[in-house]
């Protein structure tokens, strides 16, 4: 059965990856990925942090979160993920004063994953060597049972800041490339950069193909056989859906949240030192007096990622590479980097590797939309259905493999490996 996946970010690539592993009603060569951006993984799939958690989710996401966390571990063990995409045990932080928030709630309230981290209890431990700390800093650690596969360390560097330890982490850009490259090696076809234009019906009124056009040569159009359509276009999902089904009265309740980031290198980040005792990398969730919640992650390759400055006001571009980085936002992040990661004497010895901007897809409910669109809402008939997998907010990387797995199972009519019934449109 011919399958078209619109959007080849980490969700689309993971869907193709797991679909090619199933005994399927389709061959790999009849799976088509359509990507409009001339640069692969130009938005959240390439510019997000890569933080992986198992139990930081609301009840409706708990099953998917656990499945995806286990799949990340399994994939890394089977394919040398430590070297290929920097899969690593991680260490993080939270605000001591923040209480009770969980995964999806921080995004809806415009705050930080620090609030999710604050639901844990702390014991003694140590924090990352690359982070500035006050002379009176107090170190605390949290450990949870093996079923969570997480241990958090809370480390107080000021009167209002705590730290946590030991989740997992992957470089999303390298992981995304692995998923896509493996899918292509299995026979999946990639059309890039191409824009989906319309769905076409057969004599019985069923969707039989989709017309796409080259983004660089719009006059070049091709028709791809399409028995089932999966839209995994992230923040662009509502636009894609409306353009393909203009007569539908149904809209996809997803908006975009823009997030700036920096990738830097610090002389104080040494993976050899940090990995002693199996502590791995570190993830720091804190707050800033300017009113935003910085998130800082060290990576296996010696890099440190800084983000947390988010805005829903920045407009979503037509394609990801049309993004316009806001220099004022970048300056705020640079100031944060110098304050928390710079030398004790105030000198700036940090090396800037990359400035980034991505657009996270946020659903109205604060949880992703994963499921089949009712034909009555489409205005057309389909053989294999139209499916949506988008709206993951800050958890796109963490939930990516689980989403790809259950989406491949759903389109094949199989029992899903996680309970995602409440995530339907």
Protein backbone atom coordinates (compact mmCIF):
# COMPACT_ATOMS: atom_id res chain seq x y z
CA UNK A 1 0.00 0.00 0.00
CA UNK A 2 1.55 3.30 -1.11
CA UNK A 3 2.31 5.56 1.85
CA UNK A 4 3.18 9.26 1.72
CA UNK A 5 4.69 10.93 4.80
CA UNK A 6 4.72 14.71 4.62
CA UNK A 7 7.52 16.08 6.77
CA UNK A 8 10.85 14.26 7.11
CA UNK A 9 11.84 15.63 10.50
CA UNK A 10 12.49 13.26 13.37
CA UNK A 11 8.81 12.21 13.69
CA UNK A 12 8.42 11.49 9.97
CA UNK A 13 11.80 9.76 9.74
CA UNK A 14 11.02 7.65 12.82
CA UNK A 15 7.68 6.66 11.29
CA UNK A 16 9.38 5.55 8.07
CA UNK A 17 12.08 3.77 10.08
CA UNK A 18 9.62 1.66 12.09
CA UNK A 19 7.25 1.14 9.18
CA UNK A 20 10.07 -0.52 7.24
CA UNK A 21 10.69 -2.87 10.19
CA UNK A 22 7.16 -4.23 10.28
CA UNK A 23 5.85 -7.13 8.19
CA UNK A 24 3.84 -4.66 6.16
CA UNK A 25 1.20 -4.24 3.50
CA UNK A 26 3.70 -2.04 1.68
CA UNK A 27 7.27 -2.29 0.45
CA UNK A 28 9.88 0.21 1.54
CA UNK A 29 10.12 1.59 -1.99
CA UNK A 30 6.43 2.55 -1.89
CA UNK A 31 7.00 4.76 1.18
CA UNK A 32 7.58 8.39 0.18
CA UNK A 33 8.91 11.15 2.43
CA UNK A 34 8.10 14.67 1.22
CA UNK A 35 10.17 17.53 2.67
CA UNK A 36 9.78 21.19 1.70
CA UNK A 37 12.94 22.55 3.32
CA UNK A 38 16.14 22.54 1.22
CA UNK A 39 18.01 21.85 4.47
CA UNK A 40 17.18 18.65 6.30
CA UNK A 41 16.18 18.98 9.98
CA UNK A 42 16.28 22.78 9.79
CA UNK A 43 13.83 23.29 12.65
CA UNK A 44 13.26 21.49 15.97
CA UNK A 45 14.58 18.13 14.74
CA UNK A 46 18.01 19.67 14.27
CA UNK A 47 17.99 22.56 16.73
CA UNK A 48 16.30 21.13 19.83
CA UNK A 49 18.20 20.04 22.92
CA UNK A 50 17.75 16.25 22.76
CA UNK A 51 16.70 15.75 26.38
CA UNK A 52 15.19 12.29 26.99
CA UNK A 53 12.88 11.53 29.92
CA UNK A 54 10.71 8.61 30.93
CA UNK A 55 8.37 9.80 33.69
CA UNK A 56 8.12 13.58 33.27
CA UNK A 57 4.78 13.31 31.49
CA UNK A 58 1.09 13.76 32.25
CA UNK A 59 -0.98 10.55 32.57
CA UNK A 60 -2.15 10.73 28.95
CA UNK A 61 1.49 10.66 27.79
CA UNK A 62 2.91 8.26 30.39
CA UNK A 63 2.62 5.12 28.24
CA UNK A 64 4.11 6.76 25.15
CA UNK A 65 6.87 8.39 27.20
CA UNK A 66 7.94 5.07 28.73
CA UNK A 67 7.85 3.27 25.37
CA UNK A 68 9.87 5.97 23.63
CA UNK A 69 12.45 6.13 26.42
CA UNK A 70 12.99 2.36 26.14
CA UNK A 71 13.20 2.57 22.34
CA UNK A 72 15.90 5.25 22.57
CA UNK A 73 17.92 2.96 24.80
CA UNK A 74 17.33 -0.06 22.57
CA UNK A 75 18.23 1.80 19.38
CA UNK A 76 21.41 3.18 20.92
CA UNK A 77 22.51 -0.24 22.19
CA UNK A 78 21.88 -1.91 18.83
CA UNK A 79 23.52 0.80 16.69
CA UNK A 80 26.32 2.29 18.80
CA UNK A 81 24.28 5.39 19.55
CA UNK A 82 26.93 6.70 21.96
CA UNK A 83 29.30 7.35 19.06
CA UNK A 84 26.77 7.90 16.27
CA UNK A 85 24.43 10.41 17.93
CA UNK A 86 25.86 11.09 21.37
CA UNK A 87 23.42 9.03 23.41
CA UNK A 88 24.46 9.59 27.01
CA UNK A 89 23.36 9.55 30.62
CA UNK A 90 22.65 13.12 31.70
CA UNK A 91 22.51 15.47 34.72
CA UNK A 92 19.99 18.31 35.18
CA UNK A 93 18.71 21.19 37.39
CA UNK A 94 15.51 22.76 38.71
CA UNK A 95 14.29 25.75 40.69
CA UNK A 96 13.99 25.00 44.40
CA UNK A 97 10.94 27.23 44.71
CA UNK A 98 8.92 25.76 41.82
CA UNK A 99 6.42 23.09 42.80
CA UNK A 100 4.22 20.52 41.17
CA UNK A 101 4.27 21.10 37.40
CA UNK A 102 4.66 18.22 34.97
CA UNK A 103 5.89 17.86 31.40
CA UNK A 104 3.20 19.39 29.20
CA UNK A 105 2.16 22.02 31.74
CA UNK A 106 5.37 24.04 31.66
CA UNK A 107 4.93 24.79 27.97
CA UNK A 108 1.30 25.89 28.24
CA UNK A 109 2.22 28.23 31.09
CA UNK A 110 5.24 29.59 29.20
CA UNK A 111 7.66 28.44 31.87
CA UNK A 112 10.34 25.75 32.02
CA UNK A 113 11.00 22.04 32.36
CA UNK A 114 12.51 23.14 35.66
CA UNK A 115 8.96 22.85 36.96
CA UNK A 116 8.78 19.21 35.93
CA UNK A 117 12.14 18.57 37.57
CA UNK A 118 10.89 20.20 40.77
CA UNK A 119 8.45 17.33 41.38
CA UNK A 120 11.36 15.19 42.60
CA UNK A 121 12.99 14.96 46.05
CA UNK A 122 16.68 15.57 46.64
CA UNK A 123 19.69 14.00 48.44
CA UNK A 124 23.41 14.84 48.49
CA UNK A 125 25.45 14.78 45.27
CA UNK A 126 27.54 16.93 42.88
CA UNK A 127 27.01 19.10 39.82
CA UNK A 128 28.81 19.81 36.54
CA UNK A 129 32.31 21.25 36.64
CA UNK A 130 31.54 23.73 33.84
CA UNK A 131 28.81 25.54 35.80
CA UNK A 132 29.55 28.57 37.97
CA UNK A 133 28.53 28.13 41.59
CA UNK A 134 28.39 30.34 44.66
CA UNK A 135 30.80 29.80 47.56
CA UNK A 136 27.91 28.67 49.72
CA UNK A 137 26.53 26.33 47.09
CA UNK A 138 24.71 23.28 48.40
CA UNK A 139 24.71 20.01 46.43
CA UNK A 140 21.75 17.63 46.46
CA UNK A 141 20.88 14.46 44.49
CA UNK A 142 17.72 12.54 43.67
CA UNK A 143 17.52 8.86 42.73
CA UNK A 144 14.43 7.01 41.58
CA UNK A 145 13.74 3.30 41.07
CA UNK A 146 14.97 1.38 38.04
CA UNK A 147 11.62 1.62 36.26
CA UNK A 148 12.16 5.33 35.67
CA UNK A 149 15.80 4.97 34.54
CA UNK A 150 16.35 8.47 35.90
CA UNK A 151 18.45 9.92 38.69
CA UNK A 152 18.40 13.67 39.26
CA UNK A 153 20.93 15.80 41.11
CA UNK A 154 19.87 19.14 42.59
CA UNK A 155 22.69 21.58 43.08
CA UNK A 156 22.15 25.00 44.66
CA UNK A 157 24.42 27.72 43.22
CA UNK A 158 22.38 30.66 44.44
CA UNK A 159 19.58 31.23 46.90
CA UNK A 160 16.88 30.28 44.40
CA UNK A 161 18.48 27.61 42.17
CA UNK A 162 18.66 23.80 42.47
CA UNK A 163 20.22 21.13 40.27
CA UNK A 164 19.30 17.57 39.26
CA UNK A 165 21.17 14.53 37.74
CA UNK A 166 20.94 11.57 35.41
CA UNK A 167 18.39 11.38 32.60
CA UNK A 168 19.55 10.60 29.06
CA UNK A 169 20.44 12.75 26.11
CA UNK A 170 20.95 12.50 22.34
CA UNK A 171 22.09 14.95 19.69
CA UNK A 172 18.79 15.25 17.74
CA UNK A 173 20.44 16.25 14.48
CA UNK A 174 22.64 13.17 14.35
CA UNK A 175 19.82 10.91 15.54
CA UNK A 176 17.50 12.31 12.87
CA UNK A 177 20.11 11.73 10.18
CA UNK A 178 20.55 8.14 11.35
CA UNK A 179 16.81 7.42 11.17
CA UNK A 180 16.45 8.99 7.73
CA UNK A 181 19.62 7.47 6.27
CA UNK A 182 18.66 3.99 7.48
CA UNK A 183 15.17 4.37 6.03
CA UNK A 184 16.58 5.45 2.66
CA UNK A 185 19.00 2.51 2.67
CA UNK A 186 16.02 0.21 3.13
CA UNK A 187 14.37 1.67 0.04
CA UNK A 188 12.25 4.59 1.26
CA UNK A 189 12.11 7.45 -1.25
CA UNK A 190 12.80 11.08 -0.29
CA UNK A 191 11.42 14.02 -2.29
CA UNK A 192 13.26 17.19 -1.22
CA UNK A 193 12.77 20.10 -1.46
CA UNK A 194 9.21 19.51 -2.61
CA UNK A 195 5.89 21.05 -1.65
CA UNK A 196 2.66 19.02 -1.50
CA UNK A 197 0.04 20.66 -3.71
CA UNK A 198 -3.10 18.53 -3.80
CA UNK A 199 -4.60 15.09 -3.32
CA UNK A 200 -6.13 13.38 -6.33
CA UNK A 201 -9.13 11.03 -6.35
CA UNK A 202 -9.82 7.92 -8.39
CA UNK A 203 -13.08 7.09 -10.18
CA UNK A 204 -14.64 5.98 -6.89
CA UNK A 205 -13.82 9.28 -5.20
CA UNK A 206 -11.02 7.86 -3.05
CA UNK A 207 -7.65 9.53 -2.63
CA UNK A 208 -5.29 7.72 -4.99
CA UNK A 209 -2.31 10.03 -5.34
CA UNK A 210 -0.77 13.29 -4.21
CA UNK A 211 0.75 15.95 -6.46
CA UNK A 212 3.97 17.58 -5.31
CA UNK A 213 6.11 20.29 -6.88
CA UNK A 214 9.80 21.08 -6.64
CA UNK A 215 10.42 24.10 -4.41
CA UNK A 216 13.30 25.20 -6.62
CA UNK A 217 11.53 24.55 -9.93
CA UNK A 218 7.77 24.91 -9.23
CA UNK A 219 6.84 24.01 -12.80
CA UNK A 220 8.16 20.50 -12.18
CA UNK A 221 5.29 18.52 -10.71
CA UNK A 222 4.92 14.80 -10.11
CA UNK A 223 2.10 12.60 -8.88
CA UNK A 224 2.92 10.02 -6.19
CA UNK A 225 0.62 7.02 -5.55
CA UNK A 226 -0.98 7.48 -2.14
CA UNK A 227 -3.26 4.99 -0.41
CA UNK A 228 -2.55 6.39 3.03
CA UNK A 229 -1.24 9.80 4.02
CA UNK A 230 0.68 10.64 7.21
CA UNK A 231 1.26 14.30 8.09
CA UNK A 232 4.27 14.82 10.37
CA UNK A 233 5.09 18.40 9.44
CA UNK A 234 5.55 19.75 12.97
CA UNK A 235 4.44 23.35 13.34
CA UNK A 236 3.56 23.41 9.65
CA UNK A 237 1.02 20.56 9.99
CA UNK A 238 -2.10 22.82 10.05
CA UNK A 239 -0.98 24.56 6.84
CA UNK A 240 -0.30 21.27 5.07
CA UNK A 241 -3.62 19.79 6.14
CA UNK A 242 -5.62 22.84 5.01
CA UNK A 243 -3.84 23.05 1.67
CA UNK A 244 -4.54 19.40 0.86
CA UNK A 245 -8.11 19.39 2.16
CA UNK A 246 -9.37 22.93 1.49
CA UNK A 247 -13.03 21.95 1.82
CA UNK A 248 -12.73 20.50 5.28
CA UNK A 249 -14.28 22.38 8.17
CA UNK A 250 -11.82 20.77 10.56
CA UNK A 251 -8.68 22.63 11.60
CA UNK A 252 -5.65 21.13 13.29
CA UNK A 253 -5.22 22.83 16.71
CA UNK A 254 -1.47 23.30 16.57
CA UNK A 255 0.47 26.56 16.87
CA UNK A 256 4.18 27.30 16.83
CA UNK A 257 6.50 28.28 19.67
CA UNK A 258 9.76 29.81 18.50
CA UNK A 259 12.88 29.07 20.49
CA UNK A 260 16.37 30.52 20.12
CA UNK A 261 19.49 28.59 21.10
CA UNK A 262 23.27 28.68 21.22
CA UNK A 263 25.79 25.91 20.78
CA UNK A 264 29.09 26.72 22.50
CA UNK A 265 32.30 25.10 23.69
CA UNK A 266 33.78 25.65 27.14
CA UNK A 267 37.33 24.78 28.28
CA UNK A 268 35.75 23.51 31.51
CA UNK A 269 33.65 20.82 29.79
CA UNK A 270 35.65 17.61 29.60
CA UNK A 271 33.73 14.42 28.88
CA UNK A 272 36.55 12.38 30.40
CA UNK A 273 36.11 14.08 33.77
CA UNK A 274 32.32 14.24 33.68
CA UNK A 275 31.90 10.57 32.80
CA UNK A 276 33.69 9.32 35.91
CA UNK A 277 31.29 7.34 38.04
CA UNK A 278 28.93 6.99 35.06
CA UNK A 279 27.56 10.52 35.61
CA UNK A 280 27.64 11.36 31.93
CA UNK A 281 26.59 14.74 30.57
CA UNK A 282 24.51 17.33 32.44
CA UNK A 283 21.19 19.09 31.88
CA UNK A 284 20.56 22.32 33.78
CA UNK A 285 17.05 23.81 34.18
CA UNK A 286 17.05 27.16 35.98
CA UNK A 287 15.62 30.69 35.89
CA UNK A 288 16.91 34.11 34.95
CA UNK A 289 16.12 37.50 36.46
CA UNK A 290 15.07 38.75 33.02
CA UNK A 291 12.05 36.47 33.26
CA UNK A 292 12.87 33.41 31.16
CA UNK A 293 13.94 29.88 32.08
CA UNK A 294 17.32 28.86 30.63
CA UNK A 295 17.96 25.21 29.74
CA UNK A 296 21.59 24.15 29.40
CA UNK A 297 22.83 20.77 28.16
CA UNK A 298 26.35 19.39 27.81
CA UNK A 299 26.93 16.93 24.98
CA UNK A 300 29.31 14.05 24.47
CA UNK A 301 31.19 15.90 21.74
CA UNK A 302 32.30 18.61 24.16
CA UNK A 303 29.55 21.05 23.17
CA UNK A 304 27.10 22.88 25.45
CA UNK A 305 23.61 23.77 24.22
CA UNK A 306 21.76 26.77 25.72
CA UNK A 307 18.08 27.55 25.10
CA UNK A 308 14.83 28.33 26.92
CA UNK A 309 14.11 31.76 25.40
CA UNK A 310 10.77 31.02 23.72
CA UNK A 311 8.14 33.18 22.03
CA UNK A 312 4.74 32.43 20.50
CA UNK A 313 4.75 35.88 18.85
CA UNK A 314 7.46 35.12 16.29
CA UNK A 315 5.66 34.22 13.03
CA UNK A 316 6.10 30.78 11.47
CA UNK A 317 7.99 31.13 8.16
CA UNK A 318 6.86 29.46 4.95
CA UNK A 319 9.70 26.96 5.25
CA UNK A 320 12.16 26.34 8.07
CA UNK A 321 15.16 27.88 6.31
CA UNK A 322 13.32 31.22 6.00
CA UNK A 323 13.67 31.73 9.75
CA UNK A 324 14.95 35.11 10.94
CA UNK A 325 17.08 34.92 14.07
CA UNK A 326 16.40 37.71 16.55
CA UNK A 327 19.74 39.20 17.58
CA UNK A 328 18.35 40.59 20.84
CA UNK A 329 17.33 37.08 21.87
CA UNK A 330 20.77 35.78 20.98
CA UNK A 331 22.38 38.49 23.12
CA UNK A 332 20.21 37.46 26.09
CA UNK A 333 21.41 33.86 25.71
CA UNK A 334 25.02 34.99 25.40
CA UNK A 335 24.67 36.98 28.63
CA UNK A 336 23.24 33.90 30.34
CA UNK A 337 26.08 31.77 29.02
CA UNK A 338 28.69 34.16 30.36
CA UNK A 339 26.94 34.41 33.73
CA UNK A 340 26.50 30.67 34.28
CA UNK A 341 29.32 29.16 32.20
CA UNK A 342 32.02 31.84 32.03
CA UNK A 343 35.19 32.11 34.06
CA UNK A 344 34.99 33.07 37.71
CA UNK A 345 36.89 36.31 36.99
CA UNK A 346 34.20 37.36 34.51
CA UNK A 347 36.28 36.90 31.34
CA UNK A 348 34.51 35.29 28.39
CA UNK A 349 36.48 32.28 27.10
CA UNK A 350 33.46 30.49 25.56
CA UNK A 351 33.61 29.55 21.87
CA UNK A 352 30.38 30.18 19.92
CA UNK A 353 29.71 27.31 17.49
CA UNK A 354 26.17 28.04 16.30
CA UNK A 355 23.19 30.36 16.74
CA UNK A 356 19.84 28.63 16.26
CA UNK A 357 16.11 29.20 15.94
CA UNK A 358 13.48 26.48 15.75
CA UNK A 359 9.69 26.31 15.87
CA UNK A 360 8.13 23.72 18.17
CA UNK A 361 4.60 22.53 17.38
CA UNK A 362 2.27 23.06 20.33
CA UNK A 363 -1.23 21.59 20.46
CA UNK A 364 -4.17 23.24 22.16
CA UNK A 365 -4.27 20.47 24.79
CA UNK A 366 -0.55 20.57 25.46
CA UNK A 367 -0.09 16.96 24.28
CA UNK A 368 0.63 15.68 20.77
CA UNK A 369 -2.04 14.73 18.26
CA UNK A 370 -1.50 11.14 17.15
CA UNK A 371 -4.18 9.31 15.21
CA UNK A 372 -6.44 9.03 12.19
CA UNK A 373 -8.56 11.86 10.84
CA UNK A 374 -12.24 10.93 10.55
CA UNK A 375 -13.21 10.68 6.86
CA UNK A 376 -16.34 12.65 7.63
CA UNK A 377 -14.14 15.61 8.46
CA UNK A 378 -12.02 15.32 5.30
CA UNK A 379 -14.75 15.57 2.69
CA UNK A 380 -13.10 12.75 0.69
CA UNK A 381 -12.75 8.99 0.98
CA UNK A 382 -9.46 7.17 1.54
CA UNK A 383 -8.28 3.58 1.35
CA UNK A 384 -5.71 3.64 4.14
CA UNK A 385 -6.64 6.87 5.90
CA UNK A 386 -5.17 10.27 6.66
CA UNK A 387 -3.10 10.35 9.84
CA UNK A 388 -1.61 13.10 12.01
CA UNK A 389 1.44 12.90 14.29
CA UNK A 390 2.40 16.39 15.46
CA UNK A 391 2.16 18.85 18.34
CA UNK A 392 4.80 17.35 20.65
CA UNK A 393 5.90 20.71 22.06
CA UNK A 394 9.15 20.42 24.07
CA UNK A 395 9.05 16.62 24.00
CA UNK A 396 9.41 15.94 20.27
CA UNK A 397 12.84 14.31 20.53
CA UNK A 398 12.03 12.35 23.67
CA UNK A 399 8.73 11.05 22.22
CA UNK A 400 9.94 10.67 18.63
CA UNK A 401 10.73 6.96 18.56
CA UNK A 402 7.59 5.97 20.43
CA UNK A 403 5.50 8.11 18.09
CA UNK A 404 7.09 6.57 15.01
CA UNK A 405 6.57 3.09 16.43
CA UNK A 406 2.87 3.49 17.30
CA UNK A 407 2.13 5.39 14.08
CA UNK A 408 3.58 2.55 12.01
CA UNK A 409 1.49 0.09 14.00
CA UNK A 410 -1.71 2.10 13.65
CA UNK A 411 -1.52 2.53 9.88
CA UNK A 412 -0.90 -1.23 9.60
CA UNK A 413 -3.93 -1.99 11.77
CA UNK A 414 -1.87 -3.53 14.56
CA UNK A 415 -2.14 -3.33 18.31
CA UNK A 416 -0.07 -0.34 19.44
CA UNK A 417 2.86 -0.71 21.82
CA UNK A 418 1.64 2.26 23.87
CA UNK A 419 -1.79 3.56 24.82
CA UNK A 420 -2.35 6.68 22.72
CA UNK A 421 -6.15 6.58 22.48
CA UNK A 422 -6.54 9.92 24.28
CA UNK A 423 -4.16 11.64 21.81
CA UNK A 424 -6.49 11.27 18.82
CA UNK A 425 -7.67 14.40 16.97
